[in-house]
Amino acid sequence: MLAVARAICEPRALILIDEPSKGLAPSIIQNLVTAFSELKRQKTTILLVGRTS
């Protein structure tokens, strides 16, 4: 969570994220989705790697 927070706080054009929701509580995941939506609104490119079960 700390690495994601640091990436969000500092302005960047591109953020690479590997399985950001792994091990997080559902309520925190929703906050993460909201933060990613805000980054998208600010024209930040997000490359997100997820895993399907």
PDB file of N, CA and C in Angstrom:
ATOM      1  N   MET A   1       0.818  -1.185   0.000  1.00  0.00           N
ATOM      2  CA  MET A   1       0.000   0.000   0.000  1.00  0.00           C
ATOM      3  C   MET A   1       0.866   1.255   0.000  1.00  0.00           C
ATOM      4  N   LEU A   2       1.978   1.202   0.684  1.00  0.00           N
ATOM      5  CA  LEU A   2       2.855   2.371   0.743  1.00  0.00           C
ATOM      6  C   LEU A   2       3.413   2.707  -0.637  1.00  0.00           C
ATOM      7  N   ALA A   3       3.820   1.708  -1.393  1.00  0.00           N
ATOM      8  CA  ALA A   3       4.370   1.954  -2.724  1.00  0.00           C
ATOM      9  C   ALA A   3       3.316   2.581  -3.643  1.00  0.00           C
ATOM     10  N   VAL A   4       2.092   2.116  -3.551  1.00  0.00           N
ATOM     11  CA  VAL A   4       1.005   2.687  -4.359  1.00  0.00           C
ATOM     12  C   VAL A   4       0.759   4.134  -3.943  1.00  0.00           C
ATOM     13  N   ALA A   5       0.747   4.393  -2.664  1.00  0.00           N
ATOM     14  CA  ALA A   5       0.528   5.758  -2.173  1.00  0.00           C
ATOM     15  C   ALA A   5       1.631   6.697  -2.663  1.00  0.00           C
ATOM     16  N   ARG A   6       2.849   6.253  -2.632  1.00  0.00           N
ATOM     17  CA  ARG A   6       3.956   7.092  -3.104  1.00  0.00           C
ATOM     18  C   ARG A   6       3.828   7.375  -4.589  1.00  0.00           C
ATOM     19  N   ALA A   7       3.426   6.375  -5.347  1.00  0.00           N
ATOM     20  CA  ALA A   7       3.264   6.558  -6.795  1.00  0.00           C
ATOM     21  C   ALA A   7       2.137   7.534  -7.103  1.00  0.00           C
ATOM     22  N   ILE A   8       1.096   7.520  -6.301  1.00  0.00           N
ATOM     23  CA  ILE A   8      -0.038   8.408  -6.520  1.00  0.00           C
ATOM     24  C   ILE A   8       0.293   9.837  -6.112  1.00  0.00           C
ATOM     25  N   CYS A   9       1.060  10.021  -5.056  1.00  0.00           N
ATOM     26  CA  CYS A   9       1.354  11.361  -4.530  1.00  0.00           C
ATOM     27  C   CYS A   9       2.297  12.164  -5.418  1.00  0.00           C
ATOM     28  N   GLU A  10       3.242  11.513  -6.055  1.00  0.00           N
ATOM     29  CA  GLU A  10       4.199  12.210  -6.901  1.00  0.00           C
ATOM     30  C   GLU A  10       3.684  12.214  -8.337  1.00  0.00           C
ATOM     31  N   PRO A  11       3.695  13.381  -8.994  1.00  0.00           N
ATOM     32  CA  PRO A  11       3.188  13.442 -10.362  1.00  0.00           C
ATOM     33  C   PRO A  11       4.013  12.580 -11.317  1.00  0.00           C
ATOM     34  N   ARG A  12       3.333  11.743 -12.064  1.00  0.00           N
ATOM     35  CA  ARG A  12       3.988  10.857 -13.030  1.00  0.00           C
ATOM     36  C   ARG A  12       3.117  10.742 -14.272  1.00  0.00           C
ATOM     37  N   ALA A  13       3.756  10.503 -15.404  1.00  0.00           N
ATOM     38  CA  ALA A  13       3.005  10.303 -16.638  1.00  0.00           C
ATOM     39  C   ALA A  13       2.586   8.845 -16.793  1.00  0.00           C
ATOM     40  N   LEU A  14       3.345   7.934 -16.174  1.00  0.00           N
ATOM     41  CA  LEU A  14       3.086   6.501 -16.296  1.00  0.00           C
ATOM     42  C   LEU A  14       3.290   5.830 -14.948  1.00  0.00           C
ATOM     43  N   ILE A  15       2.349   4.968 -14.591  1.00  0.00           N
ATOM     44  CA  ILE A  15       2.473   4.179 -13.366  1.00  0.00           C
ATOM     45  C   ILE A  15       2.303   2.711 -13.744  1.00  0.00           C
ATOM     46  N   LEU A  16       3.254   1.873 -13.351  1.00  0.00           N
ATOM     47  CA  LEU A  16       3.188   0.430 -13.565  1.00  0.00           C
ATOM     48  C   LEU A  16       2.796  -0.218 -12.244  1.00  0.00           C
ATOM     49  N   ILE A  17       1.735  -1.004 -12.263  1.00  0.00           N
ATOM     50  CA  ILE A  17       1.232  -1.588 -11.021  1.00  0.00           C
ATOM     51  C   ILE A  17       1.015  -3.085 -11.212  1.00  0.00           C
ATOM     52  N   ASP A  18       1.565  -3.886 -10.327  1.00  0.00           N
ATOM     53  CA  ASP A  18       1.438  -5.339 -10.387  1.00  0.00           C
ATOM     54  C   ASP A  18       0.559  -5.819  -9.239  1.00  0.00           C
ATOM     55  N   GLU A  19      -0.611  -6.318  -9.553  1.00  0.00           N
ATOM     56  CA  GLU A  19      -1.569  -6.866  -8.592  1.00  0.00           C
ATOM     57  C   GLU A  19      -1.765  -5.952  -7.367  1.00  0.00           C
ATOM     58  N   PRO A  20      -2.286  -4.759  -7.567  1.00  0.00           N
ATOM     59  CA  PRO A  20      -2.396  -3.804  -6.464  1.00  0.00           C
ATOM     60  C   PRO A  20      -3.371  -4.210  -5.362  1.00  0.00           C
ATOM     61  N   SER A  21      -4.326  -5.069  -5.669  1.00  0.00           N
ATOM     62  CA  SER A  21      -5.327  -5.415  -4.655  1.00  0.00           C
ATOM     63  C   SER A  21      -4.990  -6.681  -3.873  1.00  0.00           C
ATOM     64  N   LYS A  22      -3.891  -7.323  -4.195  1.00  0.00           N
ATOM     65  CA  LYS A  22      -3.531  -8.569  -3.528  1.00  0.00           C
ATOM     66  C   LYS A  22      -3.320  -8.351  -2.028  1.00  0.00           C
ATOM     67  N   GLY A  23      -4.097  -9.056  -1.232  1.00  0.00           N
ATOM     68  CA  GLY A  23      -3.953  -8.997   0.219  1.00  0.00           C
ATOM     69  C   GLY A  23      -4.629  -7.818   0.894  1.00  0.00           C
ATOM     70  N   LEU A  24      -5.400  -7.026   0.152  1.00  0.00           N
ATOM     71  CA  LEU A  24      -6.056  -5.856   0.738  1.00  0.00           C
ATOM     72  C   LEU A  24      -7.510  -6.164   1.088  1.00  0.00           C
ATOM     73  N   ALA A  25      -8.015  -5.484   2.087  1.00  0.00           N
ATOM     74  CA  ALA A  25      -9.424  -5.608   2.475  1.00  0.00           C
ATOM     75  C   ALA A  25     -10.302  -4.987   1.388  1.00  0.00           C
ATOM     76  N   PRO A  26     -11.515  -5.512   1.184  1.00  0.00           N
ATOM     77  CA  PRO A  26     -12.411  -4.981   0.148  1.00  0.00           C
ATOM     78  C   PRO A  26     -12.662  -3.475   0.250  1.00  0.00           C
ATOM     79  N   SER A  27     -12.764  -2.941   1.443  1.00  0.00           N
ATOM     80  CA  SER A  27     -13.005  -1.498   1.581  1.00  0.00           C
ATOM     81  C   SER A  27     -11.803  -0.683   1.100  1.00  0.00           C
ATOM     82  N   ILE A  28     -10.621  -1.199   1.287  1.00  0.00           N
ATOM     83  CA  ILE A  28      -9.417  -0.510   0.827  1.00  0.00           C
ATOM     84  C   ILE A  28      -9.300  -0.619  -0.691  1.00  0.00           C
ATOM     85  N   ILE A  29      -9.724  -1.743  -1.246  1.00  0.00           N
ATOM     86  CA  ILE A  29      -9.698  -1.915  -2.694  1.00  0.00           C
ATOM     87  C   ILE A  29     -10.577  -0.867  -3.363  1.00  0.00           C
ATOM     88  N   GLN A  30     -11.727  -0.585  -2.793  1.00  0.00           N
ATOM     89  CA  GLN A  30     -12.597   0.438  -3.362  1.00  0.00           C
ATOM     90  C   GLN A  30     -11.916   1.803  -3.348  1.00  0.00           C
ATOM     91  N   ASN A  31     -11.206   2.118  -2.285  1.00  0.00           N
ATOM     92  CA  ASN A  31     -10.444   3.375  -2.226  1.00  0.00           C
ATOM     93  C   ASN A  31      -9.359   3.409  -3.300  1.00  0.00           C
ATOM     94  N   LEU A  32      -8.746   2.276  -3.547  1.00  0.00           N
ATOM     95  CA  LEU A  32      -7.712   2.169  -4.569  1.00  0.00           C
ATOM     96  C   LEU A  32      -8.303   2.417  -5.960  1.00  0.00           C
ATOM     97  N   VAL A  33      -9.457   1.843  -6.225  1.00  0.00           N
ATOM     98  CA  VAL A  33     -10.134   2.051  -7.501  1.00  0.00           C
ATOM     99  C   VAL A  33     -10.470   3.535  -7.683  1.00  0.00           C
ATOM    100  N   THR A  34     -10.922   4.171  -6.626  1.00  0.00           N
ATOM    101  CA  THR A  34     -11.226   5.600  -6.675  1.00  0.00           C
ATOM    102  C   THR A  34      -9.962   6.408  -6.982  1.00  0.00           C
ATOM    103  N   ALA A  35      -8.853   6.052  -6.357  1.00  0.00           N
ATOM    104  CA  ALA A  35      -7.591   6.757  -6.601  1.00  0.00           C
ATOM    105  C   ALA A  35      -7.137   6.563  -8.049  1.00  0.00           C
ATOM    106  N   PHE A  36      -7.291   5.358  -8.593  1.00  0.00           N
ATOM    107  CA  PHE A  36      -6.923   5.113  -9.985  1.00  0.00           C
ATOM    108  C   PHE A  36      -7.815   5.913 -10.930  1.00  0.00           C
ATOM    109  N   SER A  37      -9.069   6.041 -10.599  1.00  0.00           N
ATOM    110  CA  SER A  37      -9.986   6.845 -11.414  1.00  0.00           C
ATOM    111  C   SER A  37      -9.548   8.309 -11.432  1.00  0.00           C
ATOM    112  N   GLU A  38      -9.111   8.787 -10.292  1.00  0.00           N
ATOM    113  CA  GLU A  38      -8.624  10.177 -10.213  1.00  0.00           C
ATOM    114  C   GLU A  38      -7.357  10.354 -11.053  1.00  0.00           C
ATOM    115  N   LEU A  39      -6.467   9.379 -11.009  1.00  0.00           N
ATOM    116  CA  LEU A  39      -5.259   9.450 -11.830  1.00  0.00           C
ATOM    117  C   LEU A  39      -5.623   9.460 -13.312  1.00  0.00           C
ATOM    118  N   LYS A  40      -6.596   8.656 -13.691  1.00  0.00           N
ATOM    119  CA  LYS A  40      -7.043   8.634 -15.084  1.00  0.00           C
ATOM    120  C   LYS A  40      -7.586  10.002 -15.486  1.00  0.00           C
ATOM    121  N   ARG A  41      -8.338  10.611 -14.596  1.00  0.00           N
ATOM    122  CA  ARG A  41      -8.885  11.940 -14.867  1.00  0.00           C
ATOM    123  C   ARG A  41      -7.770  12.957 -15.082  1.00  0.00           C
ATOM    124  N   GLN A  42      -6.657  12.751 -14.396  1.00  0.00           N
ATOM    125  CA  GLN A  42      -5.508  13.656 -14.520  1.00  0.00           C
ATOM    126  C   GLN A  42      -4.594  13.278 -15.683  1.00  0.00           C
ATOM    127  N   LYS A  43      -5.056  12.364 -16.530  1.00  0.00           N
ATOM    128  CA  LYS A  43      -4.320  11.950 -17.742  1.00  0.00           C
ATOM    129  C   LYS A  43      -3.047  11.157 -17.443  1.00  0.00           C
ATOM    130  N   THR A  44      -3.024  10.431 -16.334  1.00  0.00           N
ATOM    131  CA  THR A  44      -1.909   9.542 -16.025  1.00  0.00           C
ATOM    132  C   THR A  44      -2.178   8.186 -16.667  1.00  0.00           C
ATOM    133  N   THR A  45      -1.179   7.632 -17.335  1.00  0.00           N
ATOM    134  CA  THR A  45      -1.310   6.305 -17.917  1.00  0.00           C
ATOM    135  C   THR A  45      -1.007   5.270 -16.846  1.00  0.00           C
ATOM    136  N   ILE A  46      -1.876   4.264 -16.729  1.00  0.00           N
ATOM    137  CA  ILE A  46      -1.699   3.209 -15.729  1.00  0.00           C
ATOM    138  C   ILE A  46      -1.615   1.870 -16.447  1.00  0.00           C
ATOM    139  N   LEU A  47      -0.511   1.159 -16.263  1.00  0.00           N
ATOM    140  CA  LEU A  47      -0.371  -0.198 -16.771  1.00  0.00           C
ATOM    141  C   LEU A  47      -0.557  -1.114 -15.568  1.00  0.00           C
ATOM    142  N   LEU A  48      -1.679  -1.808 -15.549  1.00  0.00           N
ATOM    143  CA  LEU A  48      -2.048  -2.613 -14.404  1.00  0.00           C
ATOM    144  C   LEU A  48      -1.978  -4.091 -14.780  1.00  0.00           C
ATOM    145  N   VAL A  49      -1.257  -4.867 -13.990  1.00  0.00           N
ATOM    146  CA  VAL A  49      -1.159  -6.312 -14.191  1.00  0.00           C
ATOM    147  C   VAL A  49      -2.000  -6.970 -13.112  1.00  0.00           C
ATOM    148  N   GLY A  50      -2.926  -7.787 -13.518  1.00  0.00           N
ATOM    149  CA  GLY A  50      -3.781  -8.491 -12.563  1.00  0.00           C
ATOM    150  C   GLY A  50      -3.711  -9.978 -12.819  1.00  0.00           C
ATOM    151  N   ARG A  51      -4.254 -10.716 -11.911  1.00  0.00           N
ATOM    152  CA  ARG A  51      -4.259 -12.167 -12.021  1.00  0.00           C
ATOM    153  C   ARG A  51      -5.683 -12.653 -11.902  1.00  0.00           C
ATOM    154  N   THR A  52      -6.089 -13.516 -12.782  1.00  0.00           N
ATOM    155  CA  THR A  52      -7.419 -14.107 -12.688  1.00  0.00           C
ATOM    156  C   THR A  52      -7.290 -15.497 -12.093  1.00  0.00           C
ATOM    157  N   SER A  53      -8.313 -15.890 -11.357  1.00  0.00           N
ATOM    158  CA  SER A  53      -8.245 -17.219 -10.745  1.00  0.00           C
ATOM    159  C   SER A  53      -8.986 -18.232 -11.545  1.00  0.00           C
TER     160      SER A  53
END
